[in-house]
């Protein structure tokens, strides 16, 4: 069942001044996020991904197409009815957006007041959430007394206050260091698994998508250029934009200056072994080379995991008699896709 569905949605802004041209931020986007999924929407600045988020929570109205959230088509709804839909959508932000004058407790209490949740229920709900995000001991601290990771945990607790079915995370880890990013992503996975919340993560970092997403949507210039299960998108990216993103987290078959450098620094024949089926090459690969009397050195590449499945490319420099190297390459082809690059 789809919790979020965009059908041929476009959003055009402007012009706001005479002589300006209108700007198409989102152009005919289809999007379907199933209940319980974590979907990662990735793109460079200006790709339209943040506008998609604002269309989903009703902060922007589409110029064309329809937006449906949890079975309700929100396109054209009056603000009064949109407010009710937004109670089912939590939101966390890059800059946290906490109230500096309120304590952690007060920040989490705020959406409960807006939603008119009975005051008698506040204490139980806030305590429950602060324990869930690991901040029960900081309930009476103010935001300027917290680290960036703690602030984002408060943001997550606040977003969950009204028990939403959907959580939208717009560049939620961009202001955090790598270790804190891992902790926050682990908390988002916990929200997904333990609370059953459907999550949409907006980011320009492929490493974030790789570590958390079940599904990946790649955007460029307002359009969706690739969409599929995370492992498929990472292991066999079809669009050039996706390929460039994937290369930021795992090396592919070397080309250009990288290949020239390998040629200059390594003798023998250079071959790349590509793994795309979720398997991880074992010691038998190297045993094949040893048994064939071929020397080898790992000179480029590596493997990555997505949802417990491996993919990537290992590039080796092989040395030895031509006949032995030919025989070894033939045996390796039974185990992986082999490209002889030099």
Protein backbone atom coordinates (compact mmCIF):
# COMPACT_ATOMS: atom_id res chain seq x y z
CA UNK A 1 0.00 0.00 0.00
CA UNK A 2 1.36 3.43 -0.95
CA UNK A 3 1.49 5.96 1.89
CA UNK A 4 2.85 8.69 -0.39
CA UNK A 5 2.00 8.93 -4.07
CA UNK A 6 2.80 11.69 -6.54
CA UNK A 7 1.28 11.36 -9.99
CA UNK A 8 2.88 13.44 -12.78
CA UNK A 9 3.48 16.32 -10.37
CA UNK A 10 5.02 19.60 -11.53
CA UNK A 11 5.75 22.78 -9.61
CA UNK A 12 6.51 26.04 -11.39
CA UNK A 13 7.58 29.17 -9.50
CA UNK A 14 7.27 32.75 -10.70
CA UNK A 15 7.91 34.90 -12.41
CA UNK A 16 7.86 37.38 -9.53
CA UNK A 17 9.19 40.34 -11.54
CA UNK A 18 8.64 41.61 -15.04
CA UNK A 19 11.15 40.11 -17.45
CA UNK A 20 11.86 37.05 -15.32
CA UNK A 21 11.15 33.56 -16.58
CA UNK A 22 9.21 31.00 -14.56
CA UNK A 23 11.31 28.30 -12.88
CA UNK A 24 10.23 24.65 -13.06
CA UNK A 25 11.43 23.12 -9.79
CA UNK A 26 9.62 19.80 -10.20
CA UNK A 27 8.81 18.46 -13.64
CA UNK A 28 6.33 15.60 -14.09
CA UNK A 29 7.53 13.63 -11.07
CA UNK A 30 6.07 10.22 -10.30
CA UNK A 31 6.73 8.92 -6.78
CA UNK A 32 5.33 6.00 -4.82
CA UNK A 33 6.50 5.19 -1.29
CA UNK A 34 5.08 2.05 0.25
CA UNK A 35 4.07 1.74 3.90
CA UNK A 36 7.04 0.83 6.09
CA UNK A 37 9.69 1.80 3.52
CA UNK A 38 12.65 4.10 3.94
CA UNK A 39 12.97 5.94 0.64
CA UNK A 40 16.03 8.03 -0.12
CA UNK A 41 15.62 10.93 -2.56
CA UNK A 42 19.02 12.09 -3.73
CA UNK A 43 20.13 14.89 -6.00
CA UNK A 44 22.44 17.87 -6.20
CA UNK A 45 21.38 21.33 -5.05
CA UNK A 46 18.55 22.54 -7.27
CA UNK A 47 17.46 19.04 -8.29
CA UNK A 48 13.97 19.61 -6.83
CA UNK A 49 14.11 17.17 -3.94
CA UNK A 50 13.27 19.68 -1.19
CA UNK A 51 10.35 20.98 -3.26
CA UNK A 52 9.03 17.41 -3.40
CA UNK A 53 9.06 17.35 0.43
CA UNK A 54 7.11 20.61 0.57
CA UNK A 55 4.57 19.19 -1.88
CA UNK A 56 4.15 16.08 0.27
CA UNK A 57 3.43 18.05 3.45
CA UNK A 58 1.23 20.55 1.65
CA UNK A 59 3.48 23.58 2.15
CA UNK A 60 3.54 23.96 -1.63
CA UNK A 61 0.67 23.32 -4.02
CA UNK A 62 1.48 21.53 -7.28
CA UNK A 63 1.08 23.40 -10.55
CA UNK A 64 -0.21 20.15 -12.04
CA UNK A 65 -0.63 16.52 -11.03
CA UNK A 66 -1.89 15.04 -7.77
CA UNK A 67 -0.35 14.37 -4.35
CA UNK A 68 -1.85 11.67 -2.12
CA UNK A 69 -0.78 11.06 1.50
CA UNK A 70 -2.13 8.13 3.51
CA UNK A 71 -5.08 7.75 1.17
CA UNK A 72 -6.04 11.45 1.11
CA UNK A 73 -5.52 13.46 -2.07
CA UNK A 74 -4.23 16.73 -0.66
CA UNK A 75 -4.14 18.60 -3.98
CA UNK A 76 -6.59 21.48 -3.66
CA UNK A 77 -7.48 20.87 -0.01
CA UNK A 78 -8.23 24.02 2.01
CA UNK A 79 -5.71 24.91 4.73
CA UNK A 80 -8.04 23.78 7.50
CA UNK A 81 -8.09 20.23 6.14
CA UNK A 82 -4.39 20.29 5.30
CA UNK A 83 -3.59 20.93 8.96
CA UNK A 84 -5.29 17.67 9.86
CA UNK A 85 -3.25 15.78 7.25
CA UNK A 86 0.00 17.33 8.53
CA UNK A 87 -0.62 15.82 11.98
CA UNK A 88 0.21 12.51 10.35
CA UNK A 89 3.48 13.82 8.88
CA UNK A 90 6.56 14.44 11.03
CA UNK A 91 9.43 16.64 9.79
CA UNK A 92 13.09 17.00 10.76
CA UNK A 93 15.49 19.56 9.35
CA UNK A 94 19.17 20.20 8.66
CA UNK A 95 19.36 23.11 11.13
CA UNK A 96 17.16 21.38 13.76
CA UNK A 97 14.69 24.35 14.03
CA UNK A 98 14.33 24.01 17.80
CA UNK A 99 12.90 26.78 19.98
CA UNK A 100 15.94 28.22 21.78
CA UNK A 101 13.77 29.61 24.59
CA UNK A 102 12.21 26.22 25.38
CA UNK A 103 13.77 23.23 27.11
CA UNK A 104 14.01 19.84 25.45
CA UNK A 105 10.76 18.95 27.22
CA UNK A 106 9.11 22.15 25.98
CA UNK A 107 10.19 21.56 22.39
CA UNK A 108 8.67 18.08 22.37
CA UNK A 109 5.53 19.37 24.08
CA UNK A 110 4.91 22.05 21.44
CA UNK A 111 3.33 19.85 18.71
CA UNK A 112 1.15 18.17 21.34
CA UNK A 113 -0.28 21.59 22.27
CA UNK A 114 -0.81 22.49 18.61
CA UNK A 115 -2.62 19.18 18.07
CA UNK A 116 -4.71 19.86 21.18
CA UNK A 117 -3.63 16.61 22.85
CA UNK A 118 -5.01 16.62 26.42
CA UNK A 119 -2.46 18.02 28.87
CA UNK A 120 -2.86 14.96 31.08
CA UNK A 121 -1.36 12.89 28.26
CA UNK A 122 1.68 15.14 27.74
CA UNK A 123 3.90 13.87 30.56
CA UNK A 124 3.56 10.23 29.57
CA UNK A 125 4.09 10.88 25.84
CA UNK A 126 7.08 13.21 26.24
CA UNK A 127 8.78 10.88 28.72
CA UNK A 128 8.19 7.96 26.36
CA UNK A 129 9.75 9.82 23.43
CA UNK A 130 12.78 11.14 25.33
CA UNK A 131 13.58 7.63 26.54
CA UNK A 132 13.15 6.35 22.96
CA UNK A 133 15.70 8.82 21.54
CA UNK A 134 18.07 8.48 24.51
CA UNK A 135 17.65 11.97 26.01
CA UNK A 136 15.64 11.37 29.18
CA UNK A 137 18.49 12.89 31.23
CA UNK A 138 18.46 16.13 29.17
CA UNK A 139 14.75 16.93 29.50
CA UNK A 140 15.39 20.27 31.25
CA UNK A 141 18.34 21.37 29.09
CA UNK A 142 18.07 24.14 26.52
CA UNK A 143 19.14 23.68 22.87
CA UNK A 144 22.35 25.73 23.30
CA UNK A 145 23.44 23.20 25.94
CA UNK A 146 23.21 20.29 23.47
CA UNK A 147 25.50 18.85 20.82
CA UNK A 148 24.38 18.73 17.20
CA UNK A 149 23.49 15.06 17.47
CA UNK A 150 21.46 15.68 20.62
CA UNK A 151 19.61 18.53 18.93
CA UNK A 152 18.66 16.27 16.05
CA UNK A 153 17.44 13.63 18.51
CA UNK A 154 15.19 16.28 20.05
CA UNK A 155 14.01 17.10 16.52
CA UNK A 156 13.16 13.45 15.94
CA UNK A 157 11.32 13.18 19.26
CA UNK A 158 9.35 16.33 18.44
CA UNK A 159 8.50 15.03 14.96
CA UNK A 160 7.16 11.80 16.49
CA UNK A 161 5.06 13.52 19.17
CA UNK A 162 1.73 13.17 17.34
CA UNK A 163 2.46 9.55 16.26
CA UNK A 164 2.77 10.30 12.53
CA UNK A 165 2.70 7.56 9.91
CA UNK A 166 5.24 9.46 7.77
CA UNK A 167 8.53 11.12 8.72
CA UNK A 168 10.24 13.50 6.27
CA UNK A 169 13.96 14.13 6.86
CA UNK A 170 15.27 17.03 4.78
CA UNK A 171 19.11 16.96 4.80
CA UNK A 172 18.82 15.92 8.45
CA UNK A 173 22.47 14.82 8.78
CA UNK A 174 24.20 17.43 6.61
CA UNK A 175 25.26 19.55 9.61
CA UNK A 176 26.63 16.56 11.56
CA UNK A 177 30.02 14.87 11.72
CA UNK A 178 30.34 11.28 10.36
CA UNK A 179 30.08 9.51 13.73
CA UNK A 180 27.03 11.52 14.79
CA UNK A 181 25.50 10.95 11.36
CA UNK A 182 25.78 7.19 11.89
CA UNK A 183 24.07 7.49 15.28
CA UNK A 184 21.20 9.58 13.88
CA UNK A 185 20.70 7.22 10.93
CA UNK A 186 20.63 4.27 13.34
CA UNK A 187 17.91 6.09 15.31
CA UNK A 188 15.90 6.67 12.13
CA UNK A 189 16.16 2.96 11.31
CA UNK A 190 14.91 2.24 14.85
CA UNK A 191 11.95 4.59 14.26
CA UNK A 192 11.17 2.69 11.07
CA UNK A 193 11.52 -0.83 12.47
CA UNK A 194 10.08 -0.42 15.97
CA UNK A 195 7.39 2.19 15.31
CA UNK A 196 6.55 1.25 11.71
CA UNK A 197 6.96 4.82 10.49
CA UNK A 198 7.46 5.33 6.74
CA UNK A 199 10.48 7.61 6.20
CA UNK A 200 11.56 9.77 3.28
CA UNK A 201 15.18 10.93 3.50
CA UNK A 202 16.22 13.89 1.34
CA UNK A 203 19.98 14.13 0.86
CA UNK A 204 22.84 14.90 -1.51
CA UNK A 205 25.06 12.27 0.15
CA UNK A 206 25.04 8.79 -1.35
CA UNK A 207 26.63 7.33 1.79
CA UNK A 208 23.51 8.33 3.76
CA UNK A 209 21.25 6.61 1.24
CA UNK A 210 23.43 3.50 1.18
CA UNK A 211 23.31 3.08 4.95
CA UNK A 212 19.55 3.45 5.46
CA UNK A 213 17.36 3.38 2.33
CA UNK A 214 15.31 0.45 1.06
CA UNK A 215 14.56 2.38 -2.09
CA UNK A 216 16.41 5.13 -3.98
CA UNK A 217 14.99 7.93 -6.12
CA UNK A 218 17.53 10.02 -8.05
CA UNK A 219 16.54 13.50 -9.19
CA UNK A 220 18.14 15.92 -11.63
CA UNK A 221 16.76 19.27 -12.81
CA UNK A 222 13.34 18.58 -11.36
CA UNK A 223 12.90 15.15 -12.87
CA UNK A 224 13.25 11.59 -11.55
CA UNK A 225 16.04 9.99 -13.59
CA UNK A 226 16.26 6.69 -11.71
CA UNK A 227 14.10 4.87 -9.17
CA UNK A 228 14.40 1.38 -7.73
CA UNK A 229 15.43 -0.90 -4.86
CA UNK A 230 18.58 0.40 -3.17
CA UNK A 231 20.77 -2.57 -4.06
CA UNK A 232 19.79 -2.45 -7.74
CA UNK A 233 20.43 1.29 -8.01
CA UNK A 234 23.83 1.00 -6.33
CA UNK A 235 25.04 -2.15 -8.04
CA UNK A 236 23.77 -1.37 -11.55
CA UNK A 237 23.19 2.39 -11.88
CA UNK A 238 21.71 3.18 -15.28
CA UNK A 239 21.68 6.99 -15.48
CA UNK A 240 24.95 8.97 -15.65
CA UNK A 241 23.90 11.09 -12.66
CA UNK A 242 23.35 7.96 -10.57
CA UNK A 243 26.67 6.52 -11.73
CA UNK A 244 28.46 9.65 -10.55
CA UNK A 245 26.76 9.45 -7.16
CA UNK A 246 27.62 5.76 -6.77
CA UNK A 247 31.28 6.45 -7.55
CA UNK A 248 31.40 8.65 -4.44
CA UNK A 249 30.97 5.56 -2.24
CA UNK A 250 32.63 2.76 -4.25
CA UNK A 251 35.17 2.66 -7.07
CA UNK A 252 34.27 1.21 -10.46
CA UNK A 253 36.49 -0.08 -13.27
CA UNK A 254 39.34 2.47 -13.49
CA UNK A 255 39.41 4.83 -16.45
CA UNK A 256 41.13 8.04 -17.53
CA UNK A 257 43.80 9.47 -15.26
CA UNK A 258 43.27 6.73 -12.65
CA UNK A 259 43.99 4.03 -15.22
CA UNK A 260 47.04 5.90 -16.54
CA UNK A 261 48.40 6.11 -12.99
CA UNK A 262 47.89 2.37 -12.48
CA UNK A 263 49.67 1.62 -15.76
CA UNK A 264 52.60 3.80 -14.76
CA UNK A 265 52.98 2.28 -11.30
CA UNK A 266 52.20 -1.40 -11.83
CA UNK A 267 53.68 -3.85 -14.28
CA UNK A 268 51.82 -6.80 -15.69
CA UNK A 269 48.20 -7.00 -16.76
CA UNK A 270 45.50 -5.08 -14.94
CA UNK A 271 42.06 -6.67 -14.62
CA UNK A 272 38.90 -5.62 -12.82
CA UNK A 273 36.53 -8.11 -11.20
CA UNK A 274 33.01 -6.71 -10.82
CA UNK A 275 30.51 -8.18 -8.36
CA UNK A 276 26.87 -7.22 -8.83
CA UNK A 277 24.87 -10.20 -7.54
CA UNK A 278 25.07 -9.57 -3.80
CA UNK A 279 27.82 -12.13 -3.23
CA UNK A 280 31.16 -11.34 -1.59
CA UNK A 281 34.28 -12.79 -3.22
CA UNK A 282 36.04 -15.23 -0.94
CA UNK A 283 39.57 -16.52 -0.64
CA UNK A 284 38.91 -18.91 -3.55
CA UNK A 285 39.46 -16.03 -5.98
CA UNK A 286 43.00 -15.56 -4.76
CA UNK A 287 43.51 -19.32 -4.48
CA UNK A 288 42.79 -19.54 -8.23
CA UNK A 289 45.61 -17.10 -8.93
CA UNK A 290 48.05 -18.83 -6.62
CA UNK A 291 47.30 -22.27 -8.08
CA UNK A 292 47.85 -20.85 -11.59
CA UNK A 293 51.28 -19.55 -10.55
CA UNK A 294 50.23 -15.94 -11.06
CA UNK A 295 51.35 -13.08 -8.83
CA UNK A 296 48.73 -10.48 -7.93
CA UNK A 297 48.34 -7.16 -6.16
CA UNK A 298 45.10 -5.36 -5.27
CA UNK A 299 45.62 -1.89 -6.78
CA UNK A 300 42.19 -0.23 -6.92
CA UNK A 301 38.55 -0.55 -5.98
CA UNK A 302 36.67 -2.08 -3.12
CA UNK A 303 33.35 -3.53 -2.04
CA UNK A 304 30.35 -1.98 -0.34
CA UNK A 305 27.28 -3.37 1.40
CA UNK A 306 23.67 -2.34 0.84
CA UNK A 307 21.09 -3.95 3.11
CA UNK A 308 23.50 -6.82 3.79
CA UNK A 309 24.34 -7.52 0.14
CA UNK A 310 27.74 -6.78 -1.39
CA UNK A 311 28.73 -5.19 -4.68
CA UNK A 312 31.78 -3.46 -6.09
CA UNK A 313 34.91 -3.86 -8.18
CA UNK A 314 38.34 -5.21 -7.30
CA UNK A 315 41.15 -4.26 -9.68
CA UNK A 316 44.24 -6.47 -9.64
CA UNK A 317 47.65 -6.27 -11.25
CA UNK A 318 48.56 -9.79 -12.42
CA UNK A 319 52.10 -10.90 -13.14
CA UNK A 320 53.51 -14.08 -14.61
CA UNK A 321 53.82 -15.94 -17.92
CA UNK A 322 51.19 -14.89 -20.46
CA UNK A 323 49.78 -18.39 -20.71
CA UNK A 324 49.39 -18.65 -16.93
CA UNK A 325 47.73 -15.22 -16.71
CA UNK A 326 45.36 -16.13 -19.59
CA UNK A 327 44.44 -19.35 -17.79
CA UNK A 328 43.86 -17.53 -14.49
CA UNK A 329 41.65 -14.88 -16.13
CA UNK A 330 39.59 -17.65 -17.75
CA UNK A 331 39.05 -19.25 -14.34
CA UNK A 332 38.15 -15.92 -12.75
CA UNK A 333 35.42 -15.35 -15.36
CA UNK A 334 33.53 -18.22 -13.76
CA UNK A 335 33.34 -16.21 -10.53
CA UNK A 336 32.89 -12.59 -11.60
CA UNK A 337 32.54 -10.21 -14.54
CA UNK A 338 36.16 -9.64 -15.62
CA UNK A 339 37.39 -6.61 -17.57
CA UNK A 340 41.00 -6.54 -18.74
CA UNK A 341 41.77 -2.82 -18.62
CA UNK A 342 45.54 -2.76 -19.33
